[in-house]
Amino acid sequence: MMTSADPAQAGISRYLNIDGLRFHYVTWGKEGAPVLLCLHGLRSYGRTFQPLAASLSQDFQVLALDQRGRGETDWDPAGQYYTRRYAEDMEKFVELLELESLHMLGHSMGGINALVYSLANGRRLRSLILEDCGPGASRNSPGATRIDAELRGTPTTFPDWDAARRFWRSIRPDVTEAAIDSRVAHSMRETAAGIGWIHDQAGIAAARLAPAEPMPDLWPCVEQLHCPTLLLRGSKSDYLSQETLVRMRKANHHIEGVEIEGAGHYIHDDQPERFNAAVGGFLHQNAG
């Protein structure tokens, strides 16, 4: 099993309670610096943003939240893995940390959650970064179909760490070796039955494949954005289409659209240097 290579860049783990669940988040950088809150995707975890955080830690305080059911955050016994609930968690998280203003970044599901959060809390946002997500993409795209198939076909356990690593590589052929190391280290653990998942695989799959709540309409969220917004699309993405990117830009002049060459849906794992450069440049332009 591979673990984070550089403890100095691993960040500091912190915990707090929201509605009876213990939430985990990681911090990098100095307190008092402008805050960037990072929100991961469907089966990910806060430390997926460690390379970005390391690149920003001199000028920003980076917080990466393990959303409910992922990473070191508690699983939800009621299986409430829905956008409305994630947005409520974020509201309470921001209030508990007494963050009057912050920058926010979200990948895929995390970007959807950030958009919904912004609808009622836009006054707090200094800027918003959306990584390969937009209205309709989570249900009506080839990437959404691929993700559903992955959830249906994901084994519960693996016989050893090599098998677990091969699985991740089979469904993420374009991400870097460092990204595979991270996924193995932070999404899997050894159990009596074999190598299993840290996140609530069954609960997350059930909420995605047989949802009890509809996905909210994201166009009102897009249209009401008043902060500088960077929309990143992987040039090879099967999730966010070029047409949706163009339509989002037309819907709101605060949105800047950028395509990252050589990346698919998982931009920060496919092209980390290009991703970090785009995010860092945008944040430094809007840090004041």
Protein backbone atom coordinates (compact mmCIF):
# COMPACT_ATOMS: atom_id res chain seq x y z
CA MET A 1 0.00 0.00 0.00
CA MET A 2 1.24 3.48 -0.90
CA THR A 3 0.84 6.42 1.47
CA SER A 4 1.48 10.16 1.24
CA ALA A 5 5.18 10.55 0.50
CA ASP A 6 5.82 13.90 2.18
CA PRO A 7 4.41 14.26 5.73
CA ALA A 8 5.25 17.97 5.68
CA GLN A 9 2.71 18.46 2.89
CA ALA A 10 0.04 16.15 4.32
CA GLY A 11 -1.81 18.94 6.12
CA ILE A 12 -3.36 19.00 9.57
CA SER A 13 -6.44 16.89 10.34
CA ARG A 14 -9.28 18.54 12.24
CA TYR A 15 -12.74 17.38 13.25
CA LEU A 16 -16.12 18.89 14.13
CA ASN A 17 -19.67 17.67 14.64
CA ILE A 18 -22.58 18.50 12.36
CA ASP A 19 -26.02 17.06 13.16
CA GLY A 20 -24.58 14.10 15.01
CA LEU A 21 -21.93 13.18 12.44
CA ARG A 22 -18.21 13.72 12.97
CA PHE A 23 -16.76 15.54 9.98
CA HIS A 24 -13.07 15.50 9.08
CA TYR A 25 -11.22 18.18 7.17
CA VAL A 26 -7.59 18.93 6.39
CA THR A 27 -5.92 22.33 6.56
CA TRP A 28 -2.80 23.70 4.89
CA GLY A 29 -1.26 27.17 5.05
CA LYS A 30 -1.49 29.94 7.63
CA GLU A 31 -4.50 30.96 9.65
CA GLY A 32 -5.57 34.47 8.74
CA ALA A 33 -4.74 34.04 5.05
CA PRO A 34 -7.56 34.03 2.49
CA VAL A 35 -9.48 30.74 2.77
CA LEU A 36 -10.04 28.27 -0.07
CA LEU A 37 -12.53 25.49 0.72
CA CYS A 38 -12.15 22.45 -1.58
CA LEU A 39 -14.98 19.97 -2.19
CA HIS A 40 -14.25 16.59 -3.75
CA GLY A 41 -16.25 14.41 -6.12
CA LEU A 42 -18.59 11.45 -5.68
CA ARG A 43 -16.21 8.76 -4.35
CA SER A 44 -13.28 10.93 -3.42
CA TYR A 45 -11.91 12.60 -0.25
CA GLY A 46 -10.41 15.89 0.88
CA ARG A 47 -6.77 14.92 0.46
CA THR A 48 -7.27 14.47 -3.28
CA PHE A 49 -6.45 18.21 -3.38
CA GLN A 50 -3.13 17.86 -1.51
CA PRO A 51 -0.94 18.82 -4.51
CA LEU A 52 -3.03 21.93 -5.12
CA ALA A 53 -2.95 22.84 -1.43
CA ALA A 54 0.83 22.49 -1.31
CA SER A 55 1.14 24.86 -4.26
CA LEU A 56 -1.08 27.49 -2.58
CA SER A 57 -0.10 27.17 1.08
CA GLN A 58 2.23 30.20 1.09
CA ASP A 59 -0.60 32.59 0.24
CA PHE A 60 -3.84 30.83 1.21
CA GLN A 61 -5.30 28.74 3.98
CA VAL A 62 -6.63 25.70 2.14
CA LEU A 63 -9.36 23.58 3.75
CA ALA A 64 -10.39 20.26 2.21
CA LEU A 65 -13.55 18.69 3.61
CA ASP A 66 -14.34 14.98 3.65
CA GLN A 67 -18.03 15.19 2.79
CA ARG A 68 -20.47 12.90 4.58
CA GLY A 69 -19.74 9.23 4.05
CA ARG A 70 -16.23 9.80 2.67
CA GLY A 71 -12.69 9.84 4.01
CA GLU A 72 -12.57 10.13 7.79
CA THR A 73 -16.05 11.66 8.03
CA ASP A 74 -18.79 9.45 9.47
CA TRP A 75 -21.11 7.49 7.22
CA ASP A 76 -24.72 8.66 7.28
CA PRO A 77 -26.86 5.85 8.75
CA ALA A 78 -29.88 7.32 6.95
CA GLY A 79 -28.10 7.34 3.56
CA GLN A 80 -28.77 11.04 2.99
CA TYR A 81 -26.23 11.47 0.21
CA TYR A 82 -28.06 14.19 -1.68
CA THR A 83 -27.22 17.69 -2.86
CA ARG A 84 -29.59 19.40 -0.46
CA ARG A 85 -27.97 17.67 2.50
CA TYR A 86 -24.42 18.38 1.33
CA ALA A 87 -25.24 22.08 0.94
CA GLU A 88 -26.70 22.16 4.46
CA ASP A 89 -23.52 20.53 5.77
CA MET A 90 -21.45 23.22 4.07
CA GLU A 91 -23.55 26.01 5.54
CA LYS A 92 -23.04 24.63 9.05
CA PHE A 93 -19.34 23.93 8.43
CA VAL A 94 -18.73 27.53 7.29
CA GLU A 95 -20.70 28.90 10.25
CA LEU A 96 -18.87 26.72 12.80
CA LEU A 97 -15.53 27.92 11.46
CA GLU A 98 -16.85 31.51 11.49
CA LEU A 99 -15.77 32.11 7.88
CA GLU A 100 -17.22 35.45 6.86
CA SER A 101 -15.79 35.13 3.35
CA LEU A 102 -14.01 32.42 1.41
CA HIS A 103 -13.03 31.12 -2.00
CA MET A 104 -14.60 27.79 -2.94
CA LEU A 105 -13.56 25.03 -5.35
CA GLY A 106 -15.60 21.97 -6.23
CA HIS A 107 -14.98 19.01 -8.50
CA SER A 108 -17.95 17.21 -10.09
CA MET A 109 -20.33 16.48 -7.19
CA GLY A 110 -18.40 18.99 -5.10
CA GLY A 111 -18.97 21.64 -7.76
CA ILE A 112 -22.69 20.91 -7.80
CA ASN A 113 -22.76 21.26 -4.03
CA ALA A 114 -20.85 24.55 -4.26
CA LEU A 115 -23.32 25.92 -6.81
CA VAL A 116 -26.31 25.04 -4.65
CA TYR A 117 -24.57 26.50 -1.59
CA SER A 118 -23.97 29.73 -3.53
CA LEU A 119 -27.68 30.24 -4.20
CA ALA A 120 -28.36 31.19 -0.57
CA ASN A 121 -24.83 32.08 0.54
CA GLY A 122 -23.34 33.96 -2.39
CA ARG A 123 -22.47 36.95 -0.23
CA ARG A 124 -19.78 34.88 1.48
CA LEU A 125 -18.04 33.82 -1.74
CA ARG A 126 -15.03 35.83 -2.89
CA SER A 127 -14.66 33.54 -5.90
CA LEU A 128 -15.82 30.15 -7.14
CA ILE A 129 -13.92 27.49 -9.10
CA LEU A 130 -15.92 24.72 -10.78
CA GLU A 131 -13.93 21.71 -11.96
CA ASP A 132 -15.68 19.92 -14.83
CA CYS A 133 -19.29 20.24 -13.73
CA GLY A 134 -22.41 22.08 -14.81
CA PRO A 135 -26.18 21.81 -15.24
CA GLY A 136 -27.34 18.47 -16.61
CA ALA A 137 -23.93 16.83 -16.61
CA SER A 138 -24.58 14.60 -13.60
CA ARG A 139 -27.55 12.87 -15.26
CA ASN A 140 -27.46 13.52 -18.99
CA SER A 141 -23.90 12.94 -20.16
CA PRO A 142 -21.78 9.98 -21.27
CA GLY A 143 -19.72 10.56 -18.13
CA ALA A 144 -22.79 10.16 -15.93
CA THR A 145 -23.60 6.86 -17.67
CA ARG A 146 -20.00 5.73 -17.13
CA ILE A 147 -20.12 6.62 -13.43
CA ASP A 148 -23.40 4.73 -12.96
CA ALA A 149 -21.86 1.66 -14.59
CA GLU A 150 -18.82 1.95 -12.31
CA LEU A 151 -21.05 2.06 -9.23
CA ARG A 152 -22.95 -1.03 -10.35
CA GLY A 153 -19.77 -2.96 -11.13
CA THR A 154 -17.51 -1.96 -8.23
CA PRO A 155 -16.48 -4.93 -6.05
CA THR A 156 -17.07 -4.69 -2.31
CA THR A 157 -13.59 -6.00 -1.46
CA PHE A 158 -10.34 -7.01 -3.15
CA PRO A 159 -8.02 -9.89 -2.20
CA ASP A 160 -4.93 -7.70 -1.81
CA TRP A 161 -3.53 -4.20 -2.34
CA ASP A 162 -2.27 -5.01 -5.85
CA ALA A 163 -5.77 -6.00 -6.93
CA ALA A 164 -7.19 -2.82 -5.43
CA ARG A 165 -4.62 -0.73 -7.28
CA ARG A 166 -5.36 -2.55 -10.57
CA PHE A 167 -9.05 -1.76 -10.15
CA TRP A 168 -8.39 1.96 -9.72
CA ARG A 169 -6.10 1.98 -12.75
CA SER A 170 -8.71 0.13 -14.82
CA ILE A 171 -11.36 2.83 -14.25
CA ARG A 172 -8.97 5.81 -14.18
CA PRO A 173 -6.58 5.08 -17.07
CA ASP A 174 -5.46 8.68 -17.58
CA VAL A 175 -4.66 9.84 -14.04
CA THR A 176 -1.08 10.06 -12.81
CA GLU A 177 0.64 7.36 -10.78
CA ALA A 178 0.66 9.76 -7.83
CA ALA A 179 -3.12 10.05 -8.14
CA ILE A 180 -3.49 6.27 -8.04
CA ASP A 181 -1.24 6.19 -4.96
CA SER A 182 -3.51 8.76 -3.32
CA ARG A 183 -6.72 6.91 -4.18
CA VAL A 184 -5.41 3.63 -2.82
CA ALA A 185 -4.13 5.29 0.35
CA HIS A 186 -7.17 7.43 1.13
CA SER A 187 -10.17 5.52 -0.22
CA MET A 188 -9.28 1.94 0.81
CA ARG A 189 -8.46 0.05 4.00
CA GLU A 190 -7.65 -3.45 5.15
CA THR A 191 -10.54 -5.42 6.65
CA ALA A 192 -11.12 -8.99 7.76
CA ALA A 193 -12.77 -9.68 4.40
CA GLY A 194 -9.99 -8.12 2.31
CA ILE A 195 -9.19 -4.65 1.04
CA GLY A 196 -12.39 -2.63 1.32
CA TRP A 197 -13.65 0.90 0.92
CA ILE A 198 -13.26 3.72 3.42
CA HIS A 199 -16.25 5.55 1.98
CA ASP A 200 -19.84 4.29 2.20
CA GLN A 201 -19.78 2.58 -1.19
CA ALA A 202 -23.19 0.92 -0.83
CA GLY A 203 -24.97 4.02 0.51
CA ILE A 204 -23.45 6.35 -2.07
CA ALA A 205 -24.32 3.94 -4.89
CA ALA A 206 -27.91 3.57 -3.67
CA ALA A 207 -28.44 7.34 -3.49
CA ARG A 208 -26.99 7.78 -6.96
CA LEU A 209 -28.65 4.84 -8.75
CA ALA A 210 -32.07 4.93 -7.03
CA PRO A 211 -32.36 8.48 -5.70
CA ALA A 212 -35.08 9.42 -3.24
CA GLU A 213 -34.52 13.11 -4.04
CA PRO A 214 -34.27 14.75 -7.46
CA MET A 215 -31.16 16.57 -8.62
CA PRO A 216 -31.84 20.32 -8.30
CA ASP A 217 -31.97 22.57 -11.34
CA LEU A 218 -28.56 24.23 -11.42
CA TRP A 219 -29.35 26.95 -13.98
CA PRO A 220 -30.77 29.35 -11.37
CA CYS A 221 -27.57 28.86 -9.38
CA VAL A 222 -25.47 29.65 -12.45
CA GLU A 223 -27.52 32.72 -13.37
CA GLN A 224 -27.35 34.31 -9.90
CA LEU A 225 -23.57 34.06 -9.38
CA HIS A 226 -22.11 37.45 -8.50
CA CYS A 227 -18.53 36.48 -7.71
CA PRO A 228 -15.66 35.84 -10.14
CA THR A 229 -16.08 32.23 -11.28
CA LEU A 230 -13.62 29.97 -13.08
CA LEU A 231 -15.17 27.04 -14.96
CA LEU A 232 -12.57 24.42 -15.87
CA ARG A 233 -13.32 21.75 -18.45
CA GLY A 234 -11.07 18.85 -19.40
CA SER A 235 -10.58 18.91 -23.17
CA LYS A 236 -11.34 15.15 -23.22
CA SER A 237 -14.18 15.30 -20.69
CA ASP A 238 -17.12 12.94 -21.17
CA TYR A 239 -19.04 14.78 -18.44
CA LEU A 240 -19.12 18.54 -19.06
CA SER A 241 -19.75 19.28 -22.73
CA GLN A 242 -18.35 22.24 -24.62
CA GLU A 243 -21.92 23.28 -25.36
CA THR A 244 -22.76 23.49 -21.65
CA LEU A 245 -19.58 25.45 -20.93
CA VAL A 246 -20.48 27.98 -23.64
CA ARG A 247 -24.07 28.23 -22.42
CA MET A 248 -22.93 28.81 -18.82
CA ARG A 249 -20.63 31.61 -19.93
CA LYS A 250 -23.44 33.23 -21.90
CA ALA A 251 -25.78 32.93 -18.92
CA ASN A 252 -23.47 34.83 -16.57
CA HIS A 253 -20.68 37.27 -17.46
CA HIS A 254 -18.91 36.51 -14.17
CA ILE A 255 -17.97 33.05 -15.49
CA GLU A 256 -14.62 32.53 -17.20
CA GLY A 257 -14.36 29.24 -19.09
CA VAL A 258 -11.01 27.47 -19.56
CA GLU A 259 -10.28 24.11 -21.16
CA ILE A 260 -7.35 22.10 -19.79
CA GLU A 261 -5.62 20.21 -22.59
CA GLY A 262 -5.00 16.51 -22.11
CA ALA A 263 -7.45 16.19 -19.21
CA GLY A 264 -10.71 14.32 -18.90
CA HIS A 265 -13.26 14.67 -16.12
CA TYR A 266 -10.62 14.30 -13.38
CA ILE A 267 -8.57 17.37 -14.26
CA HIS A 268 -6.65 17.68 -10.99
CA ASP A 269 -5.55 14.02 -11.32
CA ASP A 270 -5.03 13.95 -15.11
CA GLN A 271 -3.08 17.20 -15.53
CA PRO A 272 -2.14 18.40 -12.02
CA GLU A 273 0.44 20.99 -13.08
CA ARG A 274 -1.93 22.65 -15.55
CA PHE A 275 -4.77 22.47 -13.06
CA ASN A 276 -2.69 24.00 -10.26
CA ALA A 277 -1.45 26.77 -12.54
CA ALA A 278 -4.97 27.68 -13.69
CA VAL A 279 -6.42 27.64 -10.18
CA GLY A 280 -3.46 29.49 -8.66
CA GLY A 281 -3.47 32.21 -11.30
CA PHE A 282 -7.20 32.78 -10.90
CA LEU A 283 -7.06 32.88 -7.10
CA HIS A 284 -4.16 35.31 -7.03
CA GLN A 285 -6.07 37.60 -9.41
CA ASN A 286 -9.08 37.53 -7.08
CA ALA A 287 -7.45 37.34 -3.67
CA GLY A 288 -8.05 40.99 -2.81
